């Protein structure tokens, strides 16, 4: 969505461009995305951490090859022709232990 009355803010992905193109992820929390990063979303899945703001860009085919869960892999395959910029609650940079616990809950149980 383009908000004419809104001041341009830095892009959440590249941090170089200023844009007014944004989406609201949580109530009042906006993620700004520039045109070039929107174009990059054709070939990459872009994940923006809503906690620290760090963006993680992963090539679509690389992600699909590495995902082991069949349902998740099928969902990503269905999204190949879409521009996806997804907000995530936490990333590896924010809380690596919590991410590892989420990914391998049985391995961390003692």
C-alpha atoms as a PDB file:
ATOM      1  CA  UNK A   1       0.000   0.000   0.000  1.00  0.00           C
ATOM      2  CA  UNK A   2       1.280   3.494  -0.791  1.00  0.00           C
ATOM      3  CA  UNK A   3       0.518   6.071   1.865  1.00  0.00           C
ATOM      4  CA  UNK A   4       0.955   9.562   0.398  1.00  0.00           C
ATOM      5  CA  UNK A   5       0.645  11.328   3.754  1.00  0.00           C
ATOM      6  CA  UNK A   6       3.252   9.115   5.367  1.00  0.00           C
ATOM      7  CA  UNK A   7       6.914  10.158   5.406  1.00  0.00           C
ATOM      8  CA  UNK A   8       9.291   7.818   3.577  1.00  0.00           C
ATOM      9  CA  UNK A   9      11.109   5.420   5.906  1.00  0.00           C
ATOM     10  CA  UNK A  10      14.126   3.176   5.300  1.00  0.00           C
ATOM     11  CA  UNK A  11      13.451  -0.149   3.627  1.00  0.00           C
ATOM     12  CA  UNK A  12      13.342  -2.991   6.179  1.00  0.00           C
ATOM     13  CA  UNK A  13      15.342  -5.261   3.861  1.00  0.00           C
ATOM     14  CA  UNK A  14      18.169  -3.224   2.298  1.00  0.00           C
ATOM     15  CA  UNK A  15      18.164  -0.193   4.674  1.00  0.00           C
ATOM     16  CA  UNK A  16      19.460   2.015   1.791  1.00  0.00           C
ATOM     17  CA  UNK A  17      16.319   3.162   0.012  1.00  0.00           C
ATOM     18  CA  UNK A  18      13.584   5.297   1.543  1.00  0.00           C
ATOM     19  CA  UNK A  19      10.020   4.408   0.658  1.00  0.00           C
ATOM     20  CA  UNK A  20       6.432   4.910   1.692  1.00  0.00           C
ATOM     21  CA  UNK A  21       5.394   1.439   0.449  1.00  0.00           C
ATOM     22  CA  UNK A  22       4.554  -0.565   3.550  1.00  0.00           C
ATOM     23  CA  UNK A  23       2.430  -3.222   5.119  1.00  0.00           C
ATOM     24  CA  UNK A  24       1.117  -3.385   8.653  1.00  0.00           C
ATOM     25  CA  UNK A  25       2.245  -6.593  10.365  1.00  0.00           C
ATOM     26  CA  UNK A  26       0.952  -6.026  13.868  1.00  0.00           C
ATOM     27  CA  UNK A  27      -1.392  -3.333  15.061  1.00  0.00           C
ATOM     28  CA  UNK A  28       0.556  -0.143  14.390  1.00  0.00           C
ATOM     29  CA  UNK A  29       3.783  -1.945  13.343  1.00  0.00           C
ATOM     30  CA  UNK A  30       4.695  -1.208   9.726  1.00  0.00           C
ATOM     31  CA  UNK A  31       7.348  -2.783   7.502  1.00  0.00           C
ATOM     32  CA  UNK A  32       8.588  -0.573   4.670  1.00  0.00           C
ATOM     33  CA  UNK A  33       9.782  -2.239   1.458  1.00  0.00           C
ATOM     34  CA  UNK A  34      11.379  -0.448  -1.513  1.00  0.00           C
ATOM     35  CA  UNK A  35      10.733  -1.265  -5.177  1.00  0.00           C
ATOM     36  CA  UNK A  36      14.059  -3.055  -5.710  1.00  0.00           C
ATOM     37  CA  UNK A  37      13.478  -5.343  -2.702  1.00  0.00           C
ATOM     38  CA  UNK A  38       9.971  -6.068  -3.964  1.00  0.00           C
ATOM     39  CA  UNK A  39      11.565  -7.093  -7.267  1.00  0.00           C
ATOM     40  CA  UNK A  40      14.079  -9.266  -5.381  1.00  0.00           C
ATOM     41  CA  UNK A  41      11.149 -11.063  -3.745  1.00  0.00           C
ATOM     42  CA  UNK A  42      10.377 -12.667  -7.118  1.00  0.00           C
ATOM     43  CA  UNK A  43      13.434 -14.926  -6.750  1.00  0.00           C
ATOM     44  CA  UNK A  44      13.922 -14.930  -2.973  1.00  0.00           C
ATOM     45  CA  UNK A  45      11.899 -15.527   0.152  1.00  0.00           C
ATOM     46  CA  UNK A  46      12.445 -12.557   2.454  1.00  0.00           C
ATOM     47  CA  UNK A  47      11.900 -12.937   6.197  1.00  0.00           C
ATOM     48  CA  UNK A  48      11.889  -9.795   8.381  1.00  0.00           C
ATOM     49  CA  UNK A  49      12.307 -10.274  12.131  1.00  0.00           C
ATOM     50  CA  UNK A  50       9.645  -8.251  13.929  1.00  0.00           C
ATOM     51  CA  UNK A  51      11.766  -8.199  17.097  1.00  0.00           C
ATOM     52  CA  UNK A  52      15.145  -6.879  15.877  1.00  0.00           C
ATOM     53  CA  UNK A  53      14.239  -5.804  12.333  1.00  0.00           C
ATOM     54  CA  UNK A  54      16.934  -7.884  10.632  1.00  0.00           C
ATOM     55  CA  UNK A  55      16.040  -9.191   7.173  1.00  0.00           C
ATOM     56  CA  UNK A  56      16.951 -12.695   6.014  1.00  0.00           C
ATOM     57  CA  UNK A  57      16.970 -13.237   2.235  1.00  0.00           C
ATOM     58  CA  UNK A  58      17.046 -16.836   0.983  1.00  0.00           C
ATOM     59  CA  UNK A  59      16.880 -17.910  -2.665  1.00  0.00           C
ATOM     60  CA  UNK A  60      13.609 -19.766  -3.277  1.00  0.00           C
ATOM     61  CA  UNK A  61      15.119 -22.909  -4.819  1.00  0.00           C
ATOM     62  CA  UNK A  62      17.777 -23.165  -2.092  1.00  0.00           C
ATOM     63  CA  UNK A  63      15.137 -22.991   0.629  1.00  0.00           C
ATOM     64  CA  UNK A  64      12.900 -25.536  -1.080  1.00  0.00           C
ATOM     65  CA  UNK A  65      15.809 -27.978  -1.475  1.00  0.00           C
ATOM     66  CA  UNK A  66      16.765 -27.719   2.200  1.00  0.00           C
ATOM     67  CA  UNK A  67      13.307 -27.946   3.815  1.00  0.00           C
ATOM     68  CA  UNK A  68      12.639 -31.455   5.114  1.00  0.00           C
ATOM     69  CA  UNK A  69       8.977 -31.087   6.159  1.00  0.00           C
ATOM     70  CA  UNK A  70       6.841 -32.238   3.199  1.00  0.00           C
ATOM     71  CA  UNK A  71       3.912 -29.931   3.973  1.00  0.00           C
ATOM     72  CA  UNK A  72       6.127 -26.876   4.361  1.00  0.00           C
ATOM     73  CA  UNK A  73       8.009 -27.773   1.183  1.00  0.00           C
ATOM     74  CA  UNK A  74       4.715 -28.066  -0.717  1.00  0.00           C
ATOM     75  CA  UNK A  75       3.588 -24.669   0.635  1.00  0.00           C
ATOM     76  CA  UNK A  76       6.836 -23.033  -0.512  1.00  0.00           C
ATOM     77  CA  UNK A  77       6.542 -24.673  -3.946  1.00  0.00           C
ATOM     78  CA  UNK A  78       3.046 -23.233  -4.321  1.00  0.00           C
ATOM     79  CA  UNK A  79       4.466 -19.772  -3.525  1.00  0.00           C
ATOM     80  CA  UNK A  80       7.221 -19.893  -6.168  1.00  0.00           C
ATOM     81  CA  UNK A  81       5.502 -17.371  -8.454  1.00  0.00           C
ATOM     82  CA  UNK A  82       4.557 -14.956  -5.642  1.00  0.00           C
ATOM     83  CA  UNK A  83       6.468 -12.143  -4.020  1.00  0.00           C
ATOM     84  CA  UNK A  84       6.660 -13.164  -0.366  1.00  0.00           C
ATOM     85  CA  UNK A  85       8.014 -10.946   2.380  1.00  0.00           C
ATOM     86  CA  UNK A  86       7.130 -12.591   5.657  1.00  0.00           C
ATOM     87  CA  UNK A  87       7.343 -11.198   9.171  1.00  0.00           C
ATOM     88  CA  UNK A  88       8.691 -13.594  11.786  1.00  0.00           C
ATOM     89  CA  UNK A  89       8.531 -13.160  15.564  1.00  0.00           C
ATOM     90  CA  UNK A  90      12.180 -14.010  16.333  1.00  0.00           C
ATOM     91  CA  UNK A  91      15.229 -14.799  14.264  1.00  0.00           C
ATOM     92  CA  UNK A  92      18.461 -16.643  14.974  1.00  0.00           C
ATOM     93  CA  UNK A  93      20.230 -13.339  15.700  1.00  0.00           C
ATOM     94  CA  UNK A  94      17.720 -12.408  18.432  1.00  0.00           C
ATOM     95  CA  UNK A  95      17.502 -15.631  20.378  1.00  0.00           C
ATOM     96  CA  UNK A  96      19.480 -18.597  18.973  1.00  0.00           C
ATOM     97  CA  UNK A  97      18.683 -20.878  21.912  1.00  0.00           C
ATOM     98  CA  UNK A  98      14.937 -20.406  21.524  1.00  0.00           C
ATOM     99  CA  UNK A  99      15.192 -21.048  17.771  1.00  0.00           C
ATOM    100  CA  UNK A 100      17.178 -24.243  18.388  1.00  0.00           C
ATOM    101  CA  UNK A 101      14.628 -25.334  20.978  1.00  0.00           C
ATOM    102  CA  UNK A 102      11.835 -24.687  18.490  1.00  0.00           C
ATOM    103  CA  UNK A 103      13.618 -26.546  15.700  1.00  0.00           C
ATOM    104  CA  UNK A 104      14.797 -29.519  17.799  1.00  0.00           C
ATOM    105  CA  UNK A 105      12.732 -29.665  21.017  1.00  0.00           C
ATOM    106  CA  UNK A 106      13.610 -33.326  21.695  1.00  0.00           C
ATOM    107  CA  UNK A 107      17.362 -32.737  21.329  1.00  0.00           C
ATOM    108  CA  UNK A 108      17.410 -30.118  24.078  1.00  0.00           C
ATOM    109  CA  UNK A 109      15.448 -32.134  26.637  1.00  0.00           C
ATOM    110  CA  UNK A 110      17.611 -33.623  29.369  1.00  0.00           C
END
